Protein backbone atom coordinates (compact mmCIF):
# COMPACT_ATOMS: atom_id res chain seq x y z
CA UNK A 1 234.09 7.36 -70.38
CA UNK A 2 230.79 9.20 -70.09
CA UNK A 3 229.00 9.10 -66.74
CA UNK A 4 225.63 7.36 -66.82
CA UNK A 5 222.60 8.55 -64.90
CA UNK A 6 221.28 6.07 -62.35
CA UNK A 7 218.11 5.41 -60.40
CA UNK A 8 217.82 3.99 -56.91
CA UNK A 9 214.63 2.03 -56.15
CA UNK A 10 213.30 0.70 -52.87
CA UNK A 11 210.10 -1.34 -52.86
CA UNK A 12 208.54 -2.69 -49.67
CA UNK A 13 205.56 -4.98 -49.19
CA UNK A 14 202.78 -3.40 -47.12
CA UNK A 15 201.20 -6.67 -45.97
CA UNK A 16 197.92 -4.87 -45.15
CA UNK A 17 199.66 -2.11 -43.16
CA UNK A 18 199.12 1.59 -43.77
CA UNK A 19 201.65 4.37 -44.19
CA UNK A 20 201.73 6.37 -40.96
CA UNK A 21 202.35 10.11 -40.66
CA UNK A 22 205.77 9.35 -39.15
CA UNK A 23 206.70 7.11 -42.08
CA UNK A 24 205.64 9.76 -44.55
CA UNK A 25 207.49 12.53 -42.70
CA UNK A 26 210.70 10.48 -42.46
CA UNK A 27 210.59 9.55 -46.14
CA UNK A 28 209.91 13.12 -47.27
CA UNK A 29 212.78 14.37 -45.07
CA UNK A 30 215.08 11.71 -46.53
CA UNK A 31 214.14 12.54 -50.13
CA UNK A 32 214.49 16.28 -49.46
CA UNK A 33 217.97 15.67 -48.05
CA UNK A 34 218.81 13.62 -51.16
CA UNK A 35 217.92 16.63 -53.34
CA UNK A 36 220.35 18.74 -51.30
CA UNK A 37 223.06 16.17 -52.12
CA UNK A 38 222.60 16.06 -55.89
CA UNK A 39 219.51 13.93 -56.43
CA UNK A 40 217.81 15.07 -59.63
CA UNK A 41 214.32 13.96 -58.59
CA UNK A 42 212.48 11.59 -56.33
CA UNK A 43 209.14 9.85 -55.92
CA UNK A 44 207.41 8.35 -52.88
CA UNK A 45 204.40 6.26 -53.86
CA UNK A 46 202.16 3.38 -52.86
CA UNK A 47 199.75 0.95 -54.39
CA UNK A 48 197.53 -1.55 -52.58
CA UNK A 49 200.42 -3.90 -51.88
CA UNK A 50 203.67 -1.90 -51.93
CA UNK A 51 205.49 1.24 -50.86
CA UNK A 52 207.88 2.59 -53.47
CA UNK A 53 210.70 5.12 -53.19
CA UNK A 54 212.62 6.17 -56.28
CA UNK A 55 215.48 8.60 -56.79
CA UNK A 56 217.32 9.71 -59.93
CA UNK A 57 220.98 10.72 -59.91
CA UNK A 58 223.34 12.20 -62.52
CA UNK A 59 225.79 9.36 -61.84
CA UNK A 60 226.55 6.60 -59.36
CA UNK A 61 229.45 8.53 -57.79
CA UNK A 62 227.08 11.29 -56.63
CA UNK A 63 224.63 8.70 -55.28
CA UNK A 64 227.38 6.86 -53.40
CA UNK A 65 228.73 10.10 -51.93
CA UNK A 66 225.27 10.72 -50.48
CA UNK A 67 224.91 7.11 -49.31
CA UNK A 68 228.21 7.38 -47.40
CA UNK A 69 227.31 10.71 -45.75
CA UNK A 70 226.36 11.17 -42.11
CA UNK A 71 223.08 12.83 -43.15
CA UNK A 72 222.13 9.70 -45.10
CA UNK A 73 222.75 7.52 -42.04
CA UNK A 74 220.66 9.81 -39.83
CA UNK A 75 217.74 10.00 -42.29
CA UNK A 76 217.89 6.26 -43.02
CA UNK A 77 217.75 5.56 -39.28
CA UNK A 78 214.63 7.70 -38.95
CA UNK A 79 212.96 5.84 -41.83
CA UNK A 80 213.77 2.45 -40.33
CA UNK A 81 212.56 3.57 -36.91
CA UNK A 82 209.24 4.84 -38.32
CA UNK A 83 208.64 1.67 -40.36
CA UNK A 84 209.43 -0.61 -37.40
CA UNK A 85 207.11 1.47 -35.16
CA UNK A 86 204.34 0.85 -37.72
CA UNK A 87 204.85 -2.91 -37.51
CA UNK A 88 207.04 -3.46 -40.55
CA UNK A 89 209.75 -6.10 -40.43
CA UNK A 90 212.42 -4.47 -42.58
CA UNK A 91 214.37 -7.62 -43.49
CA UNK A 92 211.22 -9.55 -44.45
CA UNK A 93 209.16 -6.76 -46.01
CA UNK A 94 211.72 -5.29 -48.43
CA UNK A 95 210.82 -6.69 -51.82
CA UNK A 96 213.41 -4.92 -53.97
CA UNK A 97 216.31 -2.54 -53.37
CA UNK A 98 218.59 -1.72 -56.29
CA UNK A 99 220.60 0.85 -58.21
CA UNK A 100 220.21 0.71 -61.99
CA UNK A 101 221.84 2.51 -64.90
CA UNK A 102 219.35 4.46 -67.01
CA UNK A 103 219.42 3.22 -70.61
CA UNK A 104 216.71 5.57 -71.89
CA UNK A 105 214.63 8.31 -70.35
CA UNK A 106 212.49 11.16 -71.69
């Protein structure tokens, strides 16, 4: 069976809050660490209402190896800490968090 590429998406409601320097730094550090663990590319973006993080992986096994690593836990903790410090309520503000198989990409 051929391995399928996957994406991991995380979308959070801003609820009129701004991205702080600490939030940005923690997200960039997380996404940089992901690249070191096999991530093929990542995006950190915002619109007026949402914060969006997106990663692309060669397969779900590689993604899950990263997600189970100690570095992932450390970086995730820093992201959560920075969002909470900025007034976000993680459980209530997360709009969407999912892994999806890529059907087509160019």
